[in-house]
Amino acid sequence: MQREVPLSPLRIIIIIILIYIAYRLIWGSRKSTPSVKGAKRKPQKEMPVSDTLQEDPVCKKLVPSRQAVQYEADGHTYYFCSQECCNTFRTRQGEQK
């Protein structure tokens, strides 16, 4: 006659962990994810450009055109990082003429 050994809480936890690992191995491998070597990426949709960077002619900083101080002269638009740079540019242009 064999005597039944009651399962200790530690054994129950270990069995549950093993069952979970087996479940993840079986069902996780069935997903249709491509392997890293043969992965084919779906082409991403290109996002439209909402703003462009313009170079300040005085201090040479790049400034988003929507945030820049704009000055139009001789049919050309100049973009500046600040009103101070714009004033400096206008002063230099006045000296050149």
PDB file of N, CA and C in Angstrom:
ATOM      1  N   MET A   1       0.825  -1.162   0.000  1.00  0.00           N
ATOM      2  CA  MET A   1       0.000   0.000   0.000  1.00  0.00           C
ATOM      3  C   MET A   1       0.880   1.240   0.000  1.00  0.00           C
ATOM      4  N   GLN A   2       0.604   2.145  -0.969  1.00  0.00           N
ATOM      5  CA  GLN A   2       1.393   3.358  -1.047  1.00  0.00           C
ATOM      6  C   GLN A   2       0.679   4.480  -0.326  1.00  0.00           C
ATOM      7  N   ARG A   3       1.499   5.276   0.224  1.00  0.00           N
ATOM      8  CA  ARG A   3       0.980   6.405   0.973  1.00  0.00           C
ATOM      9  C   ARG A   3       1.037   7.650   0.089  1.00  0.00           C
ATOM     10  N   GLU A   4      -0.032   8.430  -0.018  1.00  0.00           N
ATOM     11  CA  GLU A   4      -0.051   9.644  -0.838  1.00  0.00           C
ATOM     12  C   GLU A   4       0.646  10.774  -0.093  1.00  0.00           C
ATOM     13  N   VAL A   5       1.516  11.468  -0.845  1.00  0.00           N
ATOM     14  CA  VAL A   5       2.246  12.596  -0.264  1.00  0.00           C
ATOM     15  C   VAL A   5       1.504  13.865  -0.660  1.00  0.00           C
ATOM     16  N   PRO A   6       1.131  14.683   0.310  1.00  0.00           N
ATOM     17  CA  PRO A   6       0.418  15.920  -0.023  1.00  0.00           C
ATOM     18  C   PRO A   6       1.369  16.908  -0.727  1.00  0.00           C
ATOM     19  N   LEU A   7       0.833  17.663  -1.643  1.00  0.00           N
ATOM     20  CA  LEU A   7       1.653  18.639  -2.351  1.00  0.00           C
ATOM     21  C   LEU A   7       1.866  19.862  -1.468  1.00  0.00           C
ATOM     22  N   SER A   8       3.104  20.233  -1.365  1.00  0.00           N
ATOM     23  CA  SER A   8       3.420  21.426  -0.579  1.00  0.00           C
ATOM     24  C   SER A   8       3.157  22.661  -1.438  1.00  0.00           C
ATOM     25  N   PRO A   9       2.978  23.834  -0.852  1.00  0.00           N
ATOM     26  CA  PRO A   9       2.736  25.059  -1.633  1.00  0.00           C
ATOM     27  C   PRO A   9       3.870  25.371  -2.617  1.00  0.00           C
ATOM     28  N   LEU A  10       5.090  25.052  -2.257  1.00  0.00           N
ATOM     29  CA  LEU A  10       6.226  25.293  -3.147  1.00  0.00           C
ATOM     30  C   LEU A  10       6.127  24.428  -4.397  1.00  0.00           C
ATOM     31  N   ARG A  11       5.742  23.178  -4.241  1.00  0.00           N
ATOM     32  CA  ARG A  11       5.585  22.285  -5.387  1.00  0.00           C
ATOM     33  C   ARG A  11       4.448  22.759  -6.289  1.00  0.00           C
ATOM     34  N   ILE A  12       3.385  23.241  -5.715  1.00  0.00           N
ATOM     35  CA  ILE A  12       2.257  23.741  -6.501  1.00  0.00           C
ATOM     36  C   ILE A  12       2.694  24.953  -7.333  1.00  0.00           C
ATOM     37  N   ILE A  13       3.449  25.864  -6.732  1.00  0.00           N
ATOM     38  CA  ILE A  13       3.939  27.045  -7.440  1.00  0.00           C
ATOM     39  C   ILE A  13       4.858  26.634  -8.581  1.00  0.00           C
ATOM     40  N   ILE A  14       5.753  25.673  -8.345  1.00  0.00           N
ATOM     41  CA  ILE A  14       6.673  25.208  -9.376  1.00  0.00           C
ATOM     42  C   ILE A  14       5.905  24.563 -10.532  1.00  0.00           C
ATOM     43  N   ILE A  15       4.882  23.788 -10.235  1.00  0.00           N
ATOM     44  CA  ILE A  15       4.073  23.154 -11.276  1.00  0.00           C
ATOM     45  C   ILE A  15       3.337  24.205 -12.102  1.00  0.00           C
ATOM     46  N   ILE A  16       2.797  25.220 -11.434  1.00  0.00           N
ATOM     47  CA  ILE A  16       2.094  26.287 -12.143  1.00  0.00           C
ATOM     48  C   ILE A  16       3.052  27.037 -13.068  1.00  0.00           C
ATOM     49  N   ILE A  17       4.260  27.317 -12.604  1.00  0.00           N
ATOM     50  CA  ILE A  17       5.258  28.010 -13.420  1.00  0.00           C
ATOM     51  C   ILE A  17       5.633  27.161 -14.633  1.00  0.00           C
ATOM     52  N   LEU A  18       5.818  25.862 -14.436  1.00  0.00           N
ATOM     53  CA  LEU A  18       6.161  24.984 -15.555  1.00  0.00           C
ATOM     54  C   LEU A  18       5.031  24.908 -16.582  1.00  0.00           C
ATOM     55  N   ILE A  19       3.798  24.870 -16.109  1.00  0.00           N
ATOM     56  CA  ILE A  19       2.661  24.849 -17.023  1.00  0.00           C
ATOM     57  C   ILE A  19       2.597  26.152 -17.818  1.00  0.00           C
ATOM     58  N   TYR A  20       2.850  27.266 -17.166  1.00  0.00           N
ATOM     59  CA  TYR A  20       2.839  28.563 -17.847  1.00  0.00           C
ATOM     60  C   TYR A  20       3.938  28.630 -18.909  1.00  0.00           C
ATOM     61  N   ILE A  21       5.135  28.173 -18.585  1.00  0.00           N
ATOM     62  CA  ILE A  21       6.241  28.170 -19.543  1.00  0.00           C
ATOM     63  C   ILE A  21       5.898  27.287 -20.745  1.00  0.00           C
ATOM     64  N   ALA A  22       5.327  26.131 -20.488  1.00  0.00           N
ATOM     65  CA  ALA A  22       4.937  25.243 -21.581  1.00  0.00           C
ATOM     66  C   ALA A  22       3.875  25.905 -22.453  1.00  0.00           C
ATOM     67  N   TYR A  23       2.917  26.553 -21.840  1.00  0.00           N
ATOM     68  CA  TYR A  23       1.877  27.266 -22.583  1.00  0.00           C
ATOM     69  C   TYR A  23       2.482  28.341 -23.479  1.00  0.00           C
ATOM     70  N   ARG A  24       3.405  29.143 -22.938  1.00  0.00           N
ATOM     71  CA  ARG A  24       4.039  30.209 -23.718  1.00  0.00           C
ATOM     72  C   ARG A  24       4.872  29.639 -24.866  1.00  0.00           C
ATOM     73  N   LEU A  25       5.531  28.524 -24.639  1.00  0.00           N
ATOM     74  CA  LEU A  25       6.330  27.913 -25.701  1.00  0.00           C
ATOM     75  C   LEU A  25       5.462  27.379 -26.824  1.00  0.00           C
ATOM     76  N   ILE A  26       4.346  26.752 -26.466  1.00  0.00           N
ATOM     77  CA  ILE A  26       3.469  26.163 -27.477  1.00  0.00           C
ATOM     78  C   ILE A  26       2.687  27.242 -28.214  1.00  0.00           C
ATOM     79  N   TRP A  27       2.001  28.095 -27.518  1.00  0.00           N
ATOM     80  CA  TRP A  27       1.135  29.077 -28.157  1.00  0.00           C
ATOM     81  C   TRP A  27       1.908  30.292 -28.650  1.00  0.00           C
ATOM     82  N   GLY A  28       3.018  30.592 -28.033  1.00  0.00           N
ATOM     83  CA  GLY A  28       3.822  31.729 -28.474  1.00  0.00           C
ATOM     84  C   GLY A  28       4.490  31.471 -29.808  1.00  0.00           C
ATOM     85  N   SER A  29       4.826  30.231 -30.088  1.00  0.00           N
ATOM     86  CA  SER A  29       5.489  29.908 -31.349  1.00  0.00           C
ATOM     87  C   SER A  29       4.505  29.875 -32.513  1.00  0.00           C
ATOM     88  N   ARG A  30       3.215  29.821 -32.238  1.00  0.00           N
ATOM     89  CA  ARG A  30       2.209  29.777 -33.300  1.00  0.00           C
ATOM     90  C   ARG A  30       1.896  31.142 -33.878  1.00  0.00           C
ATOM     91  N   LYS A  31       2.329  32.188 -33.215  1.00  0.00           N
ATOM     92  CA  LYS A  31       2.074  33.532 -33.736  1.00  0.00           C
ATOM     93  C   LYS A  31       2.838  33.707 -35.028  1.00  0.00           C
ATOM     94  N   SER A  32       2.289  34.486 -35.911  1.00  0.00           N
ATOM     95  CA  SER A  32       2.908  34.659 -37.228  1.00  0.00           C
ATOM     96  C   SER A  32       3.850  35.859 -37.246  1.00  0.00           C
ATOM     97  N   THR A  33       4.772  35.906 -36.299  1.00  0.00           N
ATOM     98  CA  THR A  33       5.758  36.974 -36.311  1.00  0.00           C
ATOM     99  C   THR A  33       6.969  36.492 -37.086  1.00  0.00           C
ATOM    100  N   PRO A  34       7.448  37.313 -38.032  1.00  0.00           N
ATOM    101  CA  PRO A  34       8.605  36.897 -38.824  1.00  0.00           C
ATOM    102  C   PRO A  34       9.867  36.889 -37.970  1.00  0.00           C
ATOM    103  N   SER A  35      10.789  36.023 -38.344  1.00  0.00           N
ATOM    104  CA  SER A  35      12.039  35.976 -37.618  1.00  0.00           C
ATOM    105  C   SER A  35      12.856  37.207 -37.931  1.00  0.00           C
ATOM    106  N   VAL A  36      13.845  37.457 -37.113  1.00  0.00           N
ATOM    107  CA  VAL A  36      14.656  38.658 -37.277  1.00  0.00           C
ATOM    108  C   VAL A  36      15.438  38.611 -38.586  1.00  0.00           C
ATOM    109  N   LYS A  37      15.946  37.456 -38.968  1.00  0.00           N
ATOM    110  CA  LYS A  37      16.749  37.350 -40.180  1.00  0.00           C
ATOM    111  C   LYS A  37      15.919  37.597 -41.434  1.00  0.00           C
ATOM    112  N   GLY A  38      14.749  37.005 -41.494  1.00  0.00           N
ATOM    113  CA  GLY A  38      13.931  37.114 -42.700  1.00  0.00           C
ATOM    114  C   GLY A  38      12.784  38.096 -42.550  1.00  0.00           C
ATOM    115  N   ALA A  39      12.940  39.028 -41.629  1.00  0.00           N
ATOM    116  CA  ALA A  39      11.843  39.950 -41.357  1.00  0.00           C
ATOM    117  C   ALA A  39      11.603  40.877 -42.529  1.00  0.00           C
ATOM    118  N   LYS A  40      10.347  40.977 -42.913  1.00  0.00           N
ATOM    119  CA  LYS A  40       9.957  41.918 -43.950  1.00  0.00           C
ATOM    120  C   LYS A  40       9.164  43.022 -43.274  1.00  0.00           C
ATOM    121  N   ARG A  41       9.643  44.203 -43.429  1.00  0.00           N
ATOM    122  CA  ARG A  41       8.960  45.327 -42.798  1.00  0.00           C
ATOM    123  C   ARG A  41       7.932  45.903 -43.749  1.00  0.00           C
ATOM    124  N   LYS A  42       6.823  46.264 -43.178  1.00  0.00           N
ATOM    125  CA  LYS A  42       5.800  46.922 -43.961  1.00  0.00           C
ATOM    126  C   LYS A  42       6.263  48.356 -44.211  1.00  0.00           C
ATOM    127  N   PRO A  43       6.036  48.857 -45.395  1.00  0.00           N
ATOM    128  CA  PRO A  43       6.451  50.239 -45.644  1.00  0.00           C
ATOM    129  C   PRO A  43       5.647  51.187 -44.761  1.00  0.00           C
ATOM    130  N   GLN A  44       6.352  52.083 -44.121  1.00  0.00           N
ATOM    131  CA  GLN A  44       5.686  53.034 -43.251  1.00  0.00           C
ATOM    132  C   GLN A  44       5.149  54.190 -44.072  1.00  0.00           C
ATOM    133  N   LYS A  45       4.038  54.678 -43.630  1.00  0.00           N
ATOM    134  CA  LYS A  45       3.454  55.824 -44.303  1.00  0.00           C
ATOM    135  C   LYS A  45       4.317  57.046 -44.000  1.00  0.00           C
ATOM    136  N   GLU A  46       4.620  57.782 -45.041  1.00  0.00           N
ATOM    137  CA  GLU A  46       5.415  58.976 -44.850  1.00  0.00           C
ATOM    138  C   GLU A  46       4.534  60.072 -44.272  1.00  0.00           C
ATOM    139  N   MET A  47       5.069  60.702 -43.236  1.00  0.00           N
ATOM    140  CA  MET A  47       4.332  61.785 -42.620  1.00  0.00           C
ATOM    141  C   MET A  47       4.618  63.072 -43.387  1.00  0.00           C
ATOM    142  N   PRO A  48       3.611  63.876 -43.609  1.00  0.00           N
ATOM    143  CA  PRO A  48       3.846  65.118 -44.325  1.00  0.00           C
ATOM    144  C   PRO A  48       4.715  66.061 -43.495  1.00  0.00           C
ATOM    145  N   VAL A  49       5.550  66.801 -44.182  1.00  0.00           N
ATOM    146  CA  VAL A  49       6.412  67.764 -43.505  1.00  0.00           C
ATOM    147  C   VAL A  49       5.551  68.944 -43.106  1.00  0.00           C
ATOM    148  N   SER A  50       5.560  69.242 -41.822  1.00  0.00           N
ATOM    149  CA  SER A  50       4.717  70.327 -41.351  1.00  0.00           C
ATOM    150  C   SER A  50       5.490  71.635 -41.214  1.00  0.00           C
ATOM    151  N   ASP A  51       6.814  71.563 -41.163  1.00  0.00           N
ATOM    152  CA  ASP A  51       7.613  72.765 -41.014  1.00  0.00           C
ATOM    153  C   ASP A  51       9.024  72.480 -41.510  1.00  0.00           C
ATOM    154  N   THR A  52       9.708  73.500 -41.966  1.00  0.00           N
ATOM    155  CA  THR A  52      11.084  73.335 -42.431  1.00  0.00           C
ATOM    156  C   THR A  52      11.998  74.241 -41.628  1.00  0.00           C
ATOM    157  N   LEU A  53      13.265  73.865 -41.562  1.00  0.00           N
ATOM    158  CA  LEU A  53      14.249  74.677 -40.862  1.00  0.00           C
ATOM    159  C   LEU A  53      14.886  75.646 -41.844  1.00  0.00           C
ATOM    160  N   GLN A  54      15.031  76.869 -41.392  1.00  0.00           N
ATOM    161  CA  GLN A  54      15.657  77.916 -42.189  1.00  0.00           C
ATOM    162  C   GLN A  54      16.874  78.427 -41.428  1.00  0.00           C
ATOM    163  N   GLU A  55      17.917  78.786 -42.174  1.00  0.00           N
ATOM    164  CA  GLU A  55      19.130  79.285 -41.533  1.00  0.00           C
ATOM    165  C   GLU A  55      19.066  80.800 -41.390  1.00  0.00           C
ATOM    166  N   ASP A  56      19.340  81.256 -40.178  1.00  0.00           N
ATOM    167  CA  ASP A  56      19.407  82.684 -39.900  1.00  0.00           C
ATOM    168  C   ASP A  56      20.670  83.230 -40.568  1.00  0.00           C
ATOM    169  N   PRO A  57      20.560  84.231 -41.450  1.00  0.00           N
ATOM    170  CA  PRO A  57      21.747  84.726 -42.144  1.00  0.00           C
ATOM    171  C   PRO A  57      22.730  85.483 -41.250  1.00  0.00           C
ATOM    172  N   VAL A  58      22.307  85.897 -40.074  1.00  0.00           N
ATOM    173  CA  VAL A  58      23.189  86.649 -39.186  1.00  0.00           C
ATOM    174  C   VAL A  58      23.975  85.718 -38.271  1.00  0.00           C
ATOM    175  N   CYS A  59      23.264  84.897 -37.474  1.00  0.00           N
ATOM    176  CA  CYS A  59      23.952  84.047 -36.492  1.00  0.00           C
ATOM    177  C   CYS A  59      24.084  82.597 -36.942  1.00  0.00           C
ATOM    178  N   LYS A  60      23.536  82.266 -38.114  1.00  0.00           N
ATOM    179  CA  LYS A  60      23.645  80.931 -38.720  1.00  0.00           C
ATOM    180  C   LYS A  60      22.924  79.829 -37.938  1.00  0.00           C
ATOM    181  N   LYS A  61      21.984  80.185 -37.075  1.00  0.00           N
ATOM    182  CA  LYS A  61      21.190  79.178 -36.363  1.00  0.00           C
ATOM    183  C   LYS A  61      20.090  78.664 -37.280  1.00  0.00           C
ATOM    184  N   LEU A  62      19.673  77.432 -37.052  1.00  0.00           N
ATOM    185  CA  LEU A  62      18.533  76.872 -37.775  1.00  0.00           C
ATOM    186  C   LEU A  62      17.262  77.165 -36.985  1.00  0.00           C
ATOM    187  N   VAL A  63      16.284  77.717 -37.683  1.00  0.00           N
ATOM    188  CA  VAL A  63      15.045  78.146 -37.037  1.00  0.00           C
ATOM    189  C   VAL A  63      13.865  77.547 -37.793  1.00  0.00           C
ATOM    190  N   PRO A  64      12.869  76.979 -37.078  1.00  0.00           N
ATOM    191  CA  PRO A  64      11.664  76.528 -37.781  1.00  0.00           C
ATOM    192  C   PRO A  64      10.977  77.726 -38.430  1.00  0.00           C
ATOM    193  N   SER A  65      10.585  77.591 -39.678  1.00  0.00           N
ATOM    194  CA  SER A  65      10.053  78.734 -40.419  1.00  0.00           C
ATOM    195  C   SER A  65       8.767  79.291 -39.803  1.00  0.00           C
ATOM    196  N   ARG A  66       8.005  78.467 -39.130  1.00  0.00           N
ATOM    197  CA  ARG A  66       6.775  78.966 -38.499  1.00  0.00           C
ATOM    198  C   ARG A  66       7.058  79.830 -37.276  1.00  0.00           C
ATOM    199  N   GLN A  67       8.189  79.595 -36.613  1.00  0.00           N
ATOM    200  CA  GLN A  67       8.516  80.348 -35.406  1.00  0.00           C
ATOM    201  C   GLN A  67       9.469  81.505 -35.678  1.00  0.00           C
ATOM    202  N   ALA A  68       9.976  81.594 -36.876  1.00  0.00           N
ATOM    203  CA  ALA A  68      10.996  82.586 -37.186  1.00  0.00           C
ATOM    204  C   ALA A  68      10.392  83.970 -37.414  1.00  0.00           C
ATOM    205  N   VAL A  69      11.231  84.971 -37.190  1.00  0.00           N
ATOM    206  CA  VAL A  69      10.887  86.339 -37.555  1.00  0.00           C
ATOM    207  C   VAL A  69      11.184  86.455 -39.045  1.00  0.00           C
ATOM    208  N   GLN A  70      10.209  86.892 -39.811  1.00  0.00           N
ATOM    209  CA  GLN A  70      10.379  86.936 -41.268  1.00  0.00           C
ATOM    210  C   GLN A  70      10.555  88.373 -41.736  1.00  0.00           C
ATOM    211  N   TYR A  71      11.419  88.519 -42.733  1.00  0.00           N
ATOM    212  CA  TYR A  71      11.662  89.820 -43.338  1.00  0.00           C
ATOM    213  C   TYR A  71      11.766  89.616 -44.838  1.00  0.00           C
ATOM    214  N   GLU A  72      10.980  90.383 -45.582  1.00  0.00           N
ATOM    215  CA  GLU A  72      10.998  90.254 -47.036  1.00  0.00           C
ATOM    216  C   GLU A  72      11.702  91.460 -47.641  1.00  0.00           C
ATOM    217  N   ALA A  73      12.658  91.166 -48.542  1.00  0.00           N
ATOM    218  CA  ALA A  73      13.384  92.223 -49.235  1.00  0.00           C
ATOM    219  C   ALA A  73      13.804  91.702 -50.602  1.00  0.00           C
ATOM    220  N   ASP A  74      13.654  92.516 -51.603  1.00  0.00           N
ATOM    221  CA  ASP A  74      14.053  92.178 -52.966  1.00  0.00           C
ATOM    222  C   ASP A  74      13.416  90.882 -53.461  1.00  0.00           C
ATOM    223  N   GLY A  75      12.183  90.626 -53.069  1.00  0.00           N
ATOM    224  CA  GLY A  75      11.479  89.434 -53.525  1.00  0.00           C
ATOM    225  C   GLY A  75      11.939  88.144 -52.864  1.00  0.00           C
ATOM    226  N   HIS A  76      12.702  88.266 -51.781  1.00  0.00           N
ATOM    227  CA  HIS A  76      13.207  87.084 -51.079  1.00  0.00           C
ATOM    228  C   HIS A  76      12.813  87.185 -49.606  1.00  0.00           C
ATOM    229  N   THR A  77      12.400  86.076 -49.008  1.00  0.00           N
ATOM    230  CA  THR A  77      12.031  86.055 -47.600  1.00  0.00           C
ATOM    231  C   THR A  77      13.210  85.540 -46.784  1.00  0.00           C
ATOM    232  N   TYR A  78      13.589  86.302 -45.764  1.00  0.00           N
ATOM    233  CA  TYR A  78      14.675  85.921 -44.855  1.00  0.00           C
ATOM    234  C   TYR A  78      14.049  85.526 -43.522  1.00  0.00           C
ATOM    235  N   TYR A  79      14.633  84.523 -42.886  1.00  0.00           N
ATOM    236  CA  TYR A  79      14.125  84.022 -41.613  1.00  0.00           C
ATOM    237  C   TYR A  79      15.178  84.252 -40.538  1.00  0.00           C
ATOM    238  N   PHE A  80      14.744  84.745 -39.367  1.00  0.00           N
ATOM    239  CA  PHE A  80      15.661  85.078 -38.280  1.00  0.00           C
ATOM    240  C   PHE A  80      15.204  84.435 -36.977  1.00  0.00           C
ATOM    241  N   CYS A  81      16.169  84.162 -36.108  1.00  0.00           N
ATOM    242  CA  CYS A  81      15.843  83.546 -34.821  1.00  0.00           C
ATOM    243  C   CYS A  81      15.256  84.561 -33.839  1.00  0.00           C
ATOM    244  N   SER A  82      15.570  85.847 -34.042  1.00  0.00           N
ATOM    245  CA  SER A  82      15.057  86.875 -33.136  1.00  0.00           C
ATOM    246  C   SER A  82      14.912  88.194 -33.883  1.00  0.00           C
ATOM    247  N   GLN A  83      14.226  89.120 -33.255  1.00  0.00           N
ATOM    248  CA  GLN A  83      14.060  90.448 -33.839  1.00  0.00           C
ATOM    249  C   GLN A  83      15.403  91.170 -33.875  1.00  0.00           C
ATOM    250  N   GLU A  84      16.262  90.886 -32.913  1.00  0.00           N
ATOM    251  CA  GLU A  84      17.591  91.497 -32.870  1.00  0.00           C
ATOM    252  C   GLU A  84      18.411  91.127 -34.111  1.00  0.00           C
ATOM    253  N   CYS A  85      18.399  89.844 -34.493  1.00  0.00           N
ATOM    254  CA  CYS A  85      19.108  89.413 -35.694  1.00  0.00           C
ATOM    255  C   CYS A  85      18.496  90.055 -36.943  1.00  0.00           C
ATOM    256  N   CYS A  86      17.188  90.184 -36.972  1.00  0.00           N
ATOM    257  CA  CYS A  86      16.519  90.818 -38.099  1.00  0.00           C
ATOM    258  C   CYS A  86      16.960  92.274 -38.222  1.00  0.00           C
ATOM    259  N   ASN A  87      17.011  92.993 -37.097  1.00  0.00           N
ATOM    260  CA  ASN A  87      17.436  94.394 -37.113  1.00  0.00           C
ATOM    261  C   ASN A  87      18.893  94.516 -37.548  1.00  0.00           C
ATOM    262  N   THR A  88      19.755  93.614 -37.088  1.00  0.00           N
ATOM    263  CA  THR A  88      21.162  93.620 -37.488  1.00  0.00           C
ATOM    264  C   THR A  88      21.272  93.420 -38.992  1.00  0.00           C
ATOM    265  N   PHE A  89      20.508  92.489 -39.532  1.00  0.00           N
ATOM    266  CA  PHE A  89      20.527  92.218 -40.973  1.00  0.00           C
ATOM    267  C   PHE A  89      20.059  93.444 -41.760  1.00  0.00           C
ATOM    268  N   ARG A  90      18.984  94.060 -41.302  1.00  0.00           N
ATOM    269  CA  ARG A  90      18.453  95.238 -41.992  1.00  0.00           C
ATOM    270  C   ARG A  90      19.450  96.388 -41.955  1.00  0.00           C
ATOM    271  N   THR A  91      20.148  96.533 -40.846  1.00  0.00           N
ATOM    272  CA  THR A  91      21.162  97.583 -40.736  1.00  0.00           C
ATOM    273  C   THR A  91      22.310  97.315 -41.699  1.00  0.00           C
ATOM    274  N   ARG A  92      22.769  96.088 -41.768  1.00  0.00           N
ATOM    275  CA  ARG A  92      23.856  95.722 -42.683  1.00  0.00           C
ATOM    276  C   ARG A  92      23.448  95.909 -44.135  1.00  0.00           C
ATOM    277  N   GLN A  93      22.200  95.597 -44.457  1.00  0.00           N
ATOM    278  CA  GLN A  93      21.724  95.787 -45.829  1.00  0.00           C
ATOM    279  C   GLN A  93      21.673  97.257 -46.190  1.00  0.00           C
ATOM    280  N   GLY A  94      21.305  98.091 -45.213  1.00  0.00           N
ATOM    281  CA  GLY A  94      21.254  99.535 -45.455  1.00  0.00           C
ATOM    282  C   GLY A  94      22.651 100.090 -45.693  1.00  0.00           C
ATOM    283  N   GLU A  95      23.659  99.547 -45.030  1.00  0.00           N
ATOM    284  CA  GLU A  95      25.040  99.998 -45.198  1.00  0.00           C
ATOM    285  C   GLU A  95      25.582  99.576 -46.561  1.00  0.00           C
ATOM    286  N   GLN A  96      25.128  98.439 -47.078  1.00  0.00           N
ATOM    287  CA  GLN A  96      25.633  97.932 -48.343  1.00  0.00           C
ATOM    288  C   GLN A  96      25.074  98.721 -49.523  1.00  0.00           C
ATOM    289  N   LYS A  97      23.911  99.295 -49.363  1.00  0.00           N
ATOM    290  CA  LYS A  97      23.279 100.006 -50.490  1.00  0.00           C
ATOM    291  C   LYS A  97      23.793 101.394 -50.645  1.00  0.00           C
TER     292      LYS A  97
END
